[in-house]
PDB file of N, CA and C in Angstrom:
ATOM      1  N   UNK A   1      86.361  48.053-134.583  1.00  0.00           N
ATOM      2  CA  UNK A   1      86.673  48.229-133.351  1.00  0.00           C
ATOM      3  C   UNK A   1      85.065  48.479-132.816  1.00  0.00           C
ATOM      4  N   UNK A   2      84.945  47.906-131.665  1.00  0.00           N
ATOM      5  CA  UNK A   2      83.611  48.359-130.915  1.00  0.00           C
ATOM      6  C   UNK A   2      83.688  49.425-130.298  1.00  0.00           C
ATOM      7  N   UNK A   3      82.729  50.564-130.261  1.00  0.00           N
ATOM      8  CA  UNK A   3      82.558  51.489-129.259  1.00  0.00           C
ATOM      9  C   UNK A   3      82.885  51.475-127.948  1.00  0.00           C
ATOM     10  N   UNK A   4      83.603  52.519-127.470  1.00  0.00           N
ATOM     11  CA  UNK A   4      84.379  52.457-126.059  1.00  0.00           C
ATOM     12  C   UNK A   4      83.027  52.403-125.033  1.00  0.00           C
ATOM     13  N   UNK A   5      83.157  51.568-124.148  1.00  0.00           N
ATOM     14  CA  UNK A   5      82.176  51.428-122.725  1.00  0.00           C
ATOM     15  C   UNK A   5      82.626  52.676-121.815  1.00  0.00           C
ATOM     16  N   UNK A   6      83.579  53.215-121.918  1.00  0.00           N
ATOM     17  CA  UNK A   6      84.242  54.273-120.793  1.00  0.00           C
ATOM     18  C   UNK A   6      83.553  55.784-121.213  1.00  0.00           C
ATOM     19  N   UNK A   7      83.006  56.310-120.090  1.00  0.00           N
ATOM     20  CA  UNK A   7      82.584  57.618-120.309  1.00  0.00           C
ATOM     21  C   UNK A   7      83.654  58.317-119.396  1.00  0.00           C
ATOM     22  N   UNK A   8      83.239  59.675-119.334  1.00  0.00           N
ATOM     23  CA  UNK A   8      83.925  60.656-118.446  1.00  0.00           C
ATOM     24  C   UNK A   8      83.043  61.779-118.097  1.00  0.00           C
ATOM     25  N   UNK A   9      83.022  62.449-116.981  1.00  0.00           N
ATOM     26  CA  UNK A   9      82.429  63.559-116.941  1.00  0.00           C
ATOM     27  C   UNK A   9      83.099  64.892-117.380  1.00  0.00           C
ATOM     28  N   UNK A  10      82.480  65.871-117.807  1.00  0.00           N
ATOM     29  CA  UNK A  10      83.222  67.113-118.139  1.00  0.00           C
ATOM     30  C   UNK A  10      83.399  67.930-116.699  1.00  0.00           C
ATOM     31  N   UNK A  11      84.602  68.512-116.699  1.00  0.00           N
ATOM     32  CA  UNK A  11      84.747  69.515-115.314  1.00  0.00           C
ATOM     33  C   UNK A  11      83.675  70.255-115.048  1.00  0.00           C
ATOM     34  N   UNK A  12      83.373  70.808-114.101  1.00  0.00           N
ATOM     35  CA  UNK A  12      82.422  71.824-113.670  1.00  0.00           C
ATOM     36  C   UNK A  12      82.359  73.057-114.690  1.00  0.00           C
ATOM     37  N   UNK A  13      83.571  73.652-114.834  1.00  0.00           N
ATOM     38  CA  UNK A  13      84.070  74.795-115.239  1.00  0.00           C
ATOM     39  C   UNK A  13      84.256  74.727-117.037  1.00  0.00           C
ATOM     40  N   UNK A  14      83.957  73.483-117.559  1.00  0.00           N
ATOM     41  CA  UNK A  14      84.000  73.418-119.155  1.00  0.00           C
ATOM     42  C   UNK A  14      82.820  73.975-119.664  1.00  0.00           C
ATOM     43  N   UNK A  15      82.911  74.711-120.889  1.00  0.00           N
ATOM     44  CA  UNK A  15      81.732  75.220-121.735  1.00  0.00           C
ATOM     45  C   UNK A  15      80.856  74.107-121.752  1.00  0.00           C
ATOM     46  N   UNK A  16      79.649  74.479-121.768  1.00  0.00           N
ATOM     47  CA  UNK A  16      78.527  73.526-122.252  1.00  0.00           C
ATOM     48  C   UNK A  16      78.375  73.186-123.760  1.00  0.00           C
ATOM     49  N   UNK A  17      78.839  74.059-124.637  1.00  0.00           N
ATOM     50  CA  UNK A  17      78.360  74.341-126.068  1.00  0.00           C
ATOM     51  C   UNK A  17      79.823  73.724-126.640  1.00  0.00           C
ATOM     52  N   UNK A  18      79.386  73.314-127.791  1.00  0.00           N
ATOM     53  CA  UNK A  18      80.425  72.586-128.765  1.00  0.00           C
ATOM     54  C   UNK A  18      80.557  73.877-129.684  1.00  0.00           C
ATOM     55  N   UNK A  19      81.612  74.224-130.057  1.00  0.00           N
ATOM     56  CA  UNK A  19      81.805  74.918-131.201  1.00  0.00           C
ATOM     57  C   UNK A  19      82.282  74.036-132.525  1.00  0.00           C
ATOM     58  N   UNK A  20      81.814  74.457-133.724  1.00  0.00           N
ATOM     59  CA  UNK A  20      82.518  73.976-134.831  1.00  0.00           C
ATOM     60  C   UNK A  20      83.827  74.326-135.243  1.00  0.00           C
ATOM     61  N   UNK A  21      84.571  73.343-135.935  1.00  0.00           N
ATOM     62  CA  UNK A  21      85.722  73.882-136.521  1.00  0.00           C
ATOM     63  C   UNK A  21      85.921  75.069-137.360  1.00  0.00           C
ATOM     64  N   UNK A  22      84.939  75.192-138.335  1.00  0.00           N
ATOM     65  CA  UNK A  22      84.679  76.353-139.169  1.00  0.00           C
ATOM     66  C   UNK A  22      84.658  77.696-138.672  1.00  0.00           C
ATOM     67  N   UNK A  23      83.886  77.634-137.419  1.00  0.00           N
ATOM     68  CA  UNK A  23      83.456  78.888-136.327  1.00  0.00           C
ATOM     69  C   UNK A  23      84.633  79.311-135.988  1.00  0.00           C
ATOM     70  N   UNK A  24      85.509  78.624-135.151  1.00  0.00           N
ATOM     71  CA  UNK A  24      86.695  78.725-134.749  1.00  0.00           C
ATOM     72  C   UNK A  24      87.738  79.457-135.552  1.00  0.00           C
ATOM     73  N   UNK A  25      87.841  78.780-136.856  1.00  0.00           N
ATOM     74  CA  UNK A  25      88.498  79.342-137.995  1.00  0.00           C
ATOM     75  C   UNK A  25      88.426  80.700-138.572  1.00  0.00           C
ATOM     76  N   UNK A  26      86.933  80.888-138.654  1.00  0.00           N
ATOM     77  CA  UNK A  26      86.246  82.025-138.983  1.00  0.00           C
ATOM     78  C   UNK A  26      86.785  83.338-138.166  1.00  0.00           C
ATOM     79  N   UNK A  27      86.685  82.920-136.778  1.00  0.00           N
ATOM     80  CA  UNK A  27      86.941  84.005-135.894  1.00  0.00           C
ATOM     81  C   UNK A  27      88.307  84.127-135.607  1.00  0.00           C
ATOM     82  N   UNK A  28      89.101  83.314-135.993  1.00  0.00           N
ATOM     83  CA  UNK A  28      90.602  83.590-135.694  1.00  0.00           C
ATOM     84  C   UNK A  28      91.107  84.304-136.939  1.00  0.00           C
ATOM     85  N   UNK A  29      90.405  84.070-137.961  1.00  0.00           N
ATOM     86  CA  UNK A  29      90.788  84.806-139.354  1.00  0.00           C
ATOM     87  C   UNK A  29      90.323  86.234-139.175  1.00  0.00           C
ATOM     88  N   UNK A  30      89.205  86.446-138.410  1.00  0.00           N
ATOM     89  CA  UNK A  30      88.605  87.808-138.124  1.00  0.00           C
ATOM     90  C   UNK A  30      89.433  88.420-137.430  1.00  0.00           C
ATOM     91  N   UNK A  31      89.981  87.762-136.163  1.00  0.00           N
ATOM     92  CA  UNK A  31      91.135  88.551-135.415  1.00  0.00           C
ATOM     93  C   UNK A  31      92.141  88.812-135.928  1.00  0.00           C
ATOM     94  N   UNK A  32      92.640  88.017-136.887  1.00  0.00           N
ATOM     95  CA  UNK A  32      93.995  88.408-137.731  1.00  0.00           C
ATOM     96  C   UNK A  32      93.664  89.409-138.398  1.00  0.00           C
ATOM     97  N   UNK A  33      92.873  89.597-139.004  1.00  0.00           N
ATOM     98  CA  UNK A  33      92.310  90.703-140.205  1.00  0.00           C
ATOM     99  C   UNK A  33      92.182  92.106-139.589  1.00  0.00           C
ATOM    100  N   UNK A  34      91.903  91.994-138.030  1.00  0.00           N
ATOM    101  CA  UNK A  34      91.572  92.955-137.069  1.00  0.00           C
ATOM    102  C   UNK A  34      92.956  93.794-136.839  1.00  0.00           C
ATOM    103  N   UNK A  35      93.766  92.977-136.815  1.00  0.00           N
ATOM    104  CA  UNK A  35      95.408  93.087-136.373  1.00  0.00           C
ATOM    105  C   UNK A  35      96.090  93.462-138.025  1.00  0.00           C
ATOM    106  N   UNK A  36      95.250  93.770-138.805  1.00  0.00           N
ATOM    107  CA  UNK A  36      95.665  94.213-140.345  1.00  0.00           C
ATOM    108  C   UNK A  36      96.486  93.162-141.196  1.00  0.00           C
ATOM    109  N   UNK A  37      96.100  91.970-140.611  1.00  0.00           N
ATOM    110  CA  UNK A  37      96.974  91.023-141.573  1.00  0.00           C
ATOM    111  C   UNK A  37      96.033  90.813-142.799  1.00  0.00           C
ATOM    112  N   UNK A  38      96.323  90.536-143.861  1.00  0.00           N
ATOM    113  CA  UNK A  38      95.570  90.434-145.040  1.00  0.00           C
ATOM    114  C   UNK A  38      95.064  88.785-145.453  1.00  0.00           C
ATOM    115  N   UNK A  39      94.120  88.426-145.655  1.00  0.00           N
ATOM    116  CA  UNK A  39      93.253  87.050-145.777  1.00  0.00           C
ATOM    117  C   UNK A  39      93.813  86.619-147.345  1.00  0.00           C
ATOM    118  N   UNK A  40      94.707  85.951-147.614  1.00  0.00           N
ATOM    119  CA  UNK A  40      95.123  85.394-149.139  1.00  0.00           C
ATOM    120  C   UNK A  40      94.235  84.284-149.492  1.00  0.00           C
ATOM    121  N   UNK A  41      93.219  84.468-150.234  1.00  0.00           N
ATOM    122  CA  UNK A  41      92.393  83.499-150.728  1.00  0.00           C
ATOM    123  C   UNK A  41      93.092  82.642-151.800  1.00  0.00           C
ATOM    124  N   UNK A  42      94.223  83.234-152.363  1.00  0.00           N
ATOM    125  CA  UNK A  42      94.900  82.447-153.497  1.00  0.00           C
ATOM    126  C   UNK A  42      95.968  81.851-152.682  1.00  0.00           C
ATOM    127  N   UNK A  43      96.246  81.341-151.480  1.00  0.00           N
ATOM    128  CA  UNK A  43      97.141  80.546-150.915  1.00  0.00           C
ATOM    129  C   UNK A  43      96.476  79.338-150.499  1.00  0.00           C
ATOM    130  N   UNK A  44      96.206  78.115-151.124  1.00  0.00           N
ATOM    131  CA  UNK A  44      95.352  77.368-150.664  1.00  0.00           C
ATOM    132  C   UNK A  44      95.897  76.133-150.419  1.00  0.00           C
ATOM    133  N   UNK A  45      97.283  75.781-150.723  1.00  0.00           N
ATOM    134  CA  UNK A  45      98.039  74.599-150.323  1.00  0.00           C
ATOM    135  C   UNK A  45      99.377  74.841-149.947  1.00  0.00           C
ATOM    136  N   UNK A  46     100.127  73.911-149.559  1.00  0.00           N
ATOM    137  CA  UNK A  46     101.676  74.018-149.403  1.00  0.00           C
ATOM    138  C   UNK A  46     102.574  74.596-150.309  1.00  0.00           C
ATOM    139  N   UNK A  47     102.357  74.228-151.517  1.00  0.00           N
ATOM    140  CA  UNK A  47     103.110  74.948-152.753  1.00  0.00           C
ATOM    141  C   UNK A  47     102.614  76.288-153.172  1.00  0.00           C
ATOM    142  N   UNK A  48     101.436  76.779-152.929  1.00  0.00           N
ATOM    143  CA  UNK A  48     101.452  78.088-152.928  1.00  0.00           C
ATOM    144  C   UNK A  48     101.818  79.079-151.809  1.00  0.00           C
ATOM    145  N   UNK A  49     102.141  78.423-150.572  1.00  0.00           N
ATOM    146  CA  UNK A  49     102.412  78.967-149.600  1.00  0.00           C
ATOM    147  C   UNK A  49     103.812  79.120-149.569  1.00  0.00           C
ATOM    148  N   UNK A  50     104.577  77.974-150.033  1.00  0.00           N
ATOM    149  CA  UNK A  50     105.928  78.290-150.304  1.00  0.00           C
ATOM    150  C   UNK A  50     106.383  79.204-151.199  1.00  0.00           C
ATOM    151  N   UNK A  51     105.712  79.186-152.297  1.00  0.00           N
ATOM    152  CA  UNK A  51     106.027  80.134-153.384  1.00  0.00           C
ATOM    153  C   UNK A  51     105.800  81.588-152.732  1.00  0.00           C
ATOM    154  N   UNK A  52     104.709  81.808-152.362  1.00  0.00           N
ATOM    155  CA  UNK A  52     104.821  83.137-151.704  1.00  0.00           C
ATOM    156  C   UNK A  52     105.605  83.518-150.641  1.00  0.00           C
ATOM    157  N   UNK A  53     106.261  82.479-149.688  1.00  0.00           N
ATOM    158  CA  UNK A  53     107.175  82.607-148.982  1.00  0.00           C
ATOM    159  C   UNK A  53     108.384  83.205-149.817  1.00  0.00           C
ATOM    160  N   UNK A  54     108.648  82.299-150.802  1.00  0.00           N
ATOM    161  CA  UNK A  54     109.949  82.677-151.426  1.00  0.00           C
ATOM    162  C   UNK A  54     110.026  84.203-152.057  1.00  0.00           C
ATOM    163  N   UNK A  55     108.971  84.621-152.970  1.00  0.00           N
ATOM    164  CA  UNK A  55     108.807  85.800-153.290  1.00  0.00           C
ATOM    165  C   UNK A  55     109.265  86.899-152.314  1.00  0.00           C
ATOM    166  N   UNK A  56     108.455  86.715-151.143  1.00  0.00           N
ATOM    167  CA  UNK A  56     108.535  87.912-150.336  1.00  0.00           C
ATOM    168  C   UNK A  56     109.994  87.823-149.716  1.00  0.00           C
ATOM    169  N   UNK A  57     110.461  86.610-149.419  1.00  0.00           N
ATOM    170  CA  UNK A  57     112.027  86.432-149.008  1.00  0.00           C
ATOM    171  C   UNK A  57     113.011  86.760-149.766  1.00  0.00           C
ATOM    172  N   UNK A  58     112.881  86.641-151.040  1.00  0.00           N
ATOM    173  CA  UNK A  58     113.789  87.251-152.217  1.00  0.00           C
ATOM    174  C   UNK A  58     113.623  88.811-151.998  1.00  0.00           C
ATOM    175  N   UNK A  59     112.225  89.377-152.089  1.00  0.00           N
ATOM    176  CA  UNK A  59     112.266  90.702-152.162  1.00  0.00           C
ATOM    177  C   UNK A  59     112.668  91.444-151.159  1.00  0.00           C
ATOM    178  N   UNK A  60     112.481  90.986-149.760  1.00  0.00           N
ATOM    179  CA  UNK A  60     113.144  91.821-148.593  1.00  0.00           C
ATOM    180  C   UNK A  60     114.553  91.682-148.395  1.00  0.00           C
ATOM    181  N   UNK A  61     115.105  90.622-148.930  1.00  0.00           N
ATOM    182  CA  UNK A  61     116.213  90.268-148.578  1.00  0.00           C
ATOM    183  C   UNK A  61     117.272  90.608-149.972  1.00  0.00           C
ATOM    184  N   UNK A  62     116.617  91.094-151.118  1.00  0.00           N
ATOM    185  CA  UNK A  62     117.208  91.461-152.174  1.00  0.00           C
ATOM    186  C   UNK A  62     118.027  90.490-152.764  1.00  0.00           C
ATOM    187  N   UNK A  63     117.761  89.114-152.755  1.00  0.00           N
ATOM    188  CA  UNK A  63     118.516  87.820-153.166  1.00  0.00           C
ATOM    189  C   UNK A  63     117.747  87.298-154.164  1.00  0.00           C
ATOM    190  N   UNK A  64     118.414  86.365-154.839  1.00  0.00           N
ATOM    191  CA  UNK A  64     117.738  85.241-155.537  1.00  0.00           C
ATOM    192  C   UNK A  64     118.189  83.900-155.097  1.00  0.00           C
ATOM    193  N   UNK A  65     117.393  83.054-154.767  1.00  0.00           N
ATOM    194  CA  UNK A  65     117.505  81.638-154.316  1.00  0.00           C
ATOM    195  C   UNK A  65     117.538  80.888-155.084  1.00  0.00           C
ATOM    196  N   UNK A  66     118.266  79.654-155.187  1.00  0.00           N
ATOM    197  CA  UNK A  66     118.430  78.481-156.305  1.00  0.00           C
ATOM    198  C   UNK A  66     117.449  77.549-155.517  1.00  0.00           C
ATOM    199  N   UNK A  67     117.072  76.673-156.525  1.00  0.00           N
ATOM    200  CA  UNK A  67     116.016  75.591-156.151  1.00  0.00           C
ATOM    201  C   UNK A  67     116.690  74.890-155.036  1.00  0.00           C
ATOM    202  N   UNK A  68     118.077  74.621-155.141  1.00  0.00           N
ATOM    203  CA  UNK A  68     118.653  73.822-154.029  1.00  0.00           C
ATOM    204  C   UNK A  68     118.598  74.507-152.692  1.00  0.00           C
ATOM    205  N   UNK A  69     118.868  75.867-152.683  1.00  0.00           N
ATOM    206  CA  UNK A  69     118.698  76.464-151.377  1.00  0.00           C
ATOM    207  C   UNK A  69     117.247  76.805-150.663  1.00  0.00           C
ATOM    208  N   UNK A  70     116.235  76.707-151.801  1.00  0.00           N
ATOM    209  CA  UNK A  70     114.860  76.495-151.277  1.00  0.00           C
ATOM    210  C   UNK A  70     114.335  75.064-150.894  1.00  0.00           C
ATOM    211  N   UNK A  71     114.803  73.870-151.608  1.00  0.00           N
ATOM    212  CA  UNK A  71     114.427  72.669-151.160  1.00  0.00           C
ATOM    213  C   UNK A  71     115.571  71.775-151.118  1.00  0.00           C
ATOM    214  N   UNK A  72     116.321  71.718-150.238  1.00  0.00           N
ATOM    215  CA  UNK A  72     117.916  70.913-150.231  1.00  0.00           C
ATOM    216  C   UNK A  72     117.419  69.774-150.195  1.00  0.00           C
ATOM    217  N   UNK A  73     118.387  68.867-150.708  1.00  0.00           N
ATOM    218  CA  UNK A  73     118.169  67.347-150.733  1.00  0.00           C
ATOM    219  C   UNK A  73     118.157  66.796-149.501  1.00  0.00           C
ATOM    220  N   UNK A  74     117.404  65.729-149.292  1.00  0.00           N
ATOM    221  CA  UNK A  74     116.959  64.889-148.211  1.00  0.00           C
ATOM    222  C   UNK A  74     118.271  64.091-147.654  1.00  0.00           C
ATOM    223  N   UNK A  75     118.427  64.108-146.450  1.00  0.00           N
ATOM    224  CA  UNK A  75     119.511  63.286-145.992  1.00  0.00           C
ATOM    225  C   UNK A  75     119.266  61.876-145.782  1.00  0.00           C
TER     226      UNK A  75
END
């Protein structure tokens, strides 16, 4: 696909600098840590996130979930 020939002007009130995604992410993590959230380096993908959620849910609700309750069959 050839590059677009269209350009646009930024609004006058738009910031003149661009922030990198990792800078924004680090700032957001820092704000959450300031609110006493714990940064979990061990949660790196969806599977570990879901496992952590399951463990916390079971502990807080004093229940044991079956795999069917955690991952219901697709319809």
